[in-house]
Amino acid sequence: MTFSLDGFTGFVPFADLPAGDVPTGSGVYVVTRPASSPPVFLPQSPAGRFKGKEPTVSVSELQESWVPGEPVLYIGKADIGRSGKRGLRTRLSEYRRHGSGRAVGHWGGRMIWQLADSADLLVAWRPADDGRALEKSMIADFVTMYGRRPFANRTG
């Protein structure tokens, strides 16, 4: 049994996000891994350093965080912000650029970039008026199902 992603659309590789039809409003997004094979972890993260912080996580921590058999690796949220110019499209662009080595402020979910097959990961989204509440609810449902948070959701 895997975590339900009812209502999510997209399911595109990060590389396809710039050309994708990602909504501009608030909502929730997920990163999934289509492969069912055991993961291969990179010892060094290719993600960008933000404010001088090292994005690399130890391979042992990556192994301990892995949820076997579950394709959902990360659940994130996007709010439109005070200016109204943020949202899913902007947040996912930041996430993609962080993974490509740029110094971008998307620290959450950085563990996905240490997967050898990170280029094959898929991103999906679901618009919601209150992305924060939906994200919290989804993570709580995941914890109920598996007894722990998704692989790359490390903080509370």
Protein backbone atom coordinates (compact mmCIF):
# COMPACT_ATOMS: atom_id res chain seq x y z
CA MET A 1 0.00 0.00 0.00
CA THR A 2 1.31 3.45 -0.89
CA PHE A 3 0.34 6.95 0.19
CA SER A 4 -2.63 8.39 -1.74
CA LEU A 5 -2.08 11.32 -4.08
CA ASP A 6 -5.70 11.89 -5.06
CA GLY A 7 -6.22 15.33 -6.56
CA PHE A 8 -2.58 15.82 -7.58
CA THR A 9 -1.61 16.67 -11.14
CA GLY A 10 1.66 17.22 -12.98
CA PHE A 11 3.92 14.25 -12.24
CA VAL A 12 6.72 15.72 -14.32
CA PRO A 13 10.50 15.58 -13.89
CA PHE A 14 12.09 18.66 -12.30
CA ALA A 15 13.76 19.44 -15.63
CA ASP A 16 10.34 19.87 -17.25
CA LEU A 17 9.01 22.34 -14.65
CA PRO A 18 9.95 25.53 -16.54
CA ALA A 19 7.75 24.48 -19.47
CA GLY A 20 5.05 22.95 -17.26
CA ASP A 21 1.65 24.32 -16.46
CA VAL A 22 2.37 24.78 -12.74
CA PRO A 23 -0.29 26.91 -10.99
CA THR A 24 0.77 30.25 -9.55
CA GLY A 25 -1.42 30.07 -6.44
CA SER A 26 -0.88 28.39 -3.11
CA GLY A 27 -0.99 24.65 -2.57
CA VAL A 28 0.96 21.52 -1.83
CA TYR A 29 3.50 19.63 -3.91
CA VAL A 30 5.05 16.20 -3.66
CA VAL A 31 8.20 14.62 -4.99
CA THR A 32 7.85 10.98 -5.98
CA ARG A 33 10.25 8.30 -7.13
CA PRO A 34 8.84 6.04 -9.86
CA ALA A 35 11.58 3.40 -9.44
CA SER A 36 10.90 0.57 -7.02
CA SER A 37 14.53 -0.54 -6.82
CA PRO A 38 16.53 0.21 -3.67
CA PRO A 39 17.97 3.73 -3.72
CA VAL A 40 21.60 4.58 -4.39
CA PHE A 41 22.75 7.54 -2.31
CA LEU A 42 25.43 9.99 -3.37
CA PRO A 43 28.05 10.78 -0.72
CA GLN A 44 28.03 14.47 -1.73
CA SER A 45 24.98 16.59 -2.57
CA PRO A 46 25.01 18.50 -5.86
CA ALA A 47 22.54 21.01 -4.37
CA GLY A 48 23.51 24.62 -3.87
CA ARG A 49 24.86 26.03 -0.65
CA PHE A 50 22.48 28.60 0.78
CA LYS A 51 23.94 31.14 3.21
CA GLY A 52 27.05 28.99 3.36
CA LYS A 53 25.23 25.91 4.67
CA GLU A 54 26.38 22.51 3.40
CA PRO A 55 23.40 20.61 1.90
CA THR A 56 25.04 17.17 2.18
CA VAL A 57 23.54 14.69 4.63
CA SER A 58 25.45 11.58 5.70
CA VAL A 59 24.67 8.42 3.78
CA SER A 60 23.80 6.71 7.08
CA GLU A 61 21.15 9.39 7.79
CA LEU A 62 19.77 8.98 4.27
CA GLN A 63 19.54 5.21 4.78
CA GLU A 64 17.81 5.64 8.15
CA SER A 65 15.30 8.10 6.68
CA TRP A 66 14.33 5.93 3.71
CA VAL A 67 10.75 4.58 3.72
CA PRO A 68 10.95 1.29 1.79
CA GLY A 69 8.26 0.73 -0.84
CA GLU A 70 6.87 4.27 -0.66
CA PRO A 71 7.24 6.47 -3.75
CA VAL A 72 6.40 9.74 -1.93
CA LEU A 73 9.71 11.26 -0.86
CA TYR A 74 8.74 14.79 0.12
CA ILE A 75 5.62 16.82 0.84
CA GLY A 76 5.99 20.60 0.62
CA LYS A 77 3.80 23.66 0.62
CA ALA A 78 3.70 26.93 -1.24
CA ASP A 79 1.88 30.05 -0.10
CA ILE A 80 1.43 33.13 -2.24
CA GLY A 81 3.22 35.31 0.31
CA ARG A 82 2.64 38.91 1.30
CA SER A 83 3.35 40.22 -2.17
CA GLY A 84 1.04 37.67 -3.81
CA LYS A 85 3.85 36.75 -6.21
CA ARG A 86 4.90 33.45 -4.70
CA GLY A 87 2.99 30.19 -4.98
CA LEU A 88 3.54 26.74 -6.45
CA ARG A 89 5.30 27.84 -9.64
CA THR A 90 7.80 30.04 -7.80
CA ARG A 91 8.42 27.55 -4.99
CA LEU A 92 9.00 24.64 -7.35
CA SER A 93 11.32 26.78 -9.47
CA GLU A 94 13.37 27.50 -6.33
CA TYR A 95 13.46 23.81 -5.45
CA ARG A 96 14.62 22.85 -8.95
CA ARG A 97 17.30 25.54 -9.04
CA HIS A 98 18.57 24.55 -5.57
CA GLY A 99 18.98 20.96 -6.81
CA SER A 100 20.94 22.16 -9.82
CA GLY A 101 23.58 23.69 -7.57
CA ARG A 102 22.36 27.25 -7.21
CA ALA A 103 22.32 29.11 -3.89
CA VAL A 104 18.55 29.25 -3.53
CA GLY A 105 16.50 29.29 -0.33
CA HIS A 106 14.76 25.94 -0.60
CA TRP A 107 16.46 24.04 2.18
CA GLY A 108 13.58 21.65 2.95
CA GLY A 109 13.60 18.42 1.00
CA ARG A 110 17.27 18.75 0.08
CA MET A 111 17.90 15.04 0.74
CA ILE A 112 16.31 14.10 -2.60
CA TRP A 113 19.29 15.54 -4.45
CA GLN A 114 21.53 12.85 -2.96
CA LEU A 115 19.61 10.14 -4.78
CA ALA A 116 21.61 8.90 -7.76
CA ASP A 117 18.39 8.90 -9.80
CA SER A 118 17.19 12.37 -8.73
CA ALA A 119 16.81 13.36 -12.42
CA ASP A 120 14.06 10.71 -12.68
CA LEU A 121 12.02 11.99 -9.73
CA LEU A 122 8.58 13.39 -10.49
CA VAL A 123 6.89 16.49 -9.08
CA ALA A 124 3.13 16.83 -8.68
CA TRP A 125 1.00 19.58 -7.18
CA ARG A 126 -2.42 20.27 -5.77
CA PRO A 127 -3.77 23.80 -5.43
CA ALA A 128 -5.21 24.66 -2.01
CA ASP A 129 -6.18 27.90 -0.32
CA ASP A 130 -4.26 26.92 2.81
CA GLY A 131 -1.19 25.03 1.66
CA ARG A 132 0.30 24.98 5.16
CA ALA A 133 -2.74 23.22 6.65
CA LEU A 134 -2.91 20.68 3.83
CA GLU A 135 0.82 19.94 4.08
CA LYS A 136 0.54 19.37 7.85
CA SER A 137 -2.47 17.11 7.37
CA MET A 138 -0.75 15.08 4.66
CA ILE A 139 2.42 14.62 6.71
CA ALA A 140 0.32 13.57 9.71
CA ASP A 141 -1.51 11.01 7.52
CA PHE A 142 1.86 9.73 6.26
CA VAL A 143 3.14 9.35 9.83
CA THR A 144 -0.03 7.46 10.75
CA MET A 145 0.53 5.13 7.82
CA TYR A 146 4.29 4.55 8.22
CA GLY A 147 5.20 5.65 11.74
CA ARG A 148 7.54 8.33 10.39
CA ARG A 149 7.75 11.32 8.09
CA PRO A 150 8.46 11.06 4.34
CA PHE A 151 12.11 10.51 3.43
CA ALA A 152 13.04 14.17 2.83
CA ASN A 153 10.68 15.80 5.36
CA ARG A 154 13.10 15.97 8.26
CA THR A 155 11.78 18.82 10.40
CA GLY A 156 8.50 19.36 12.18
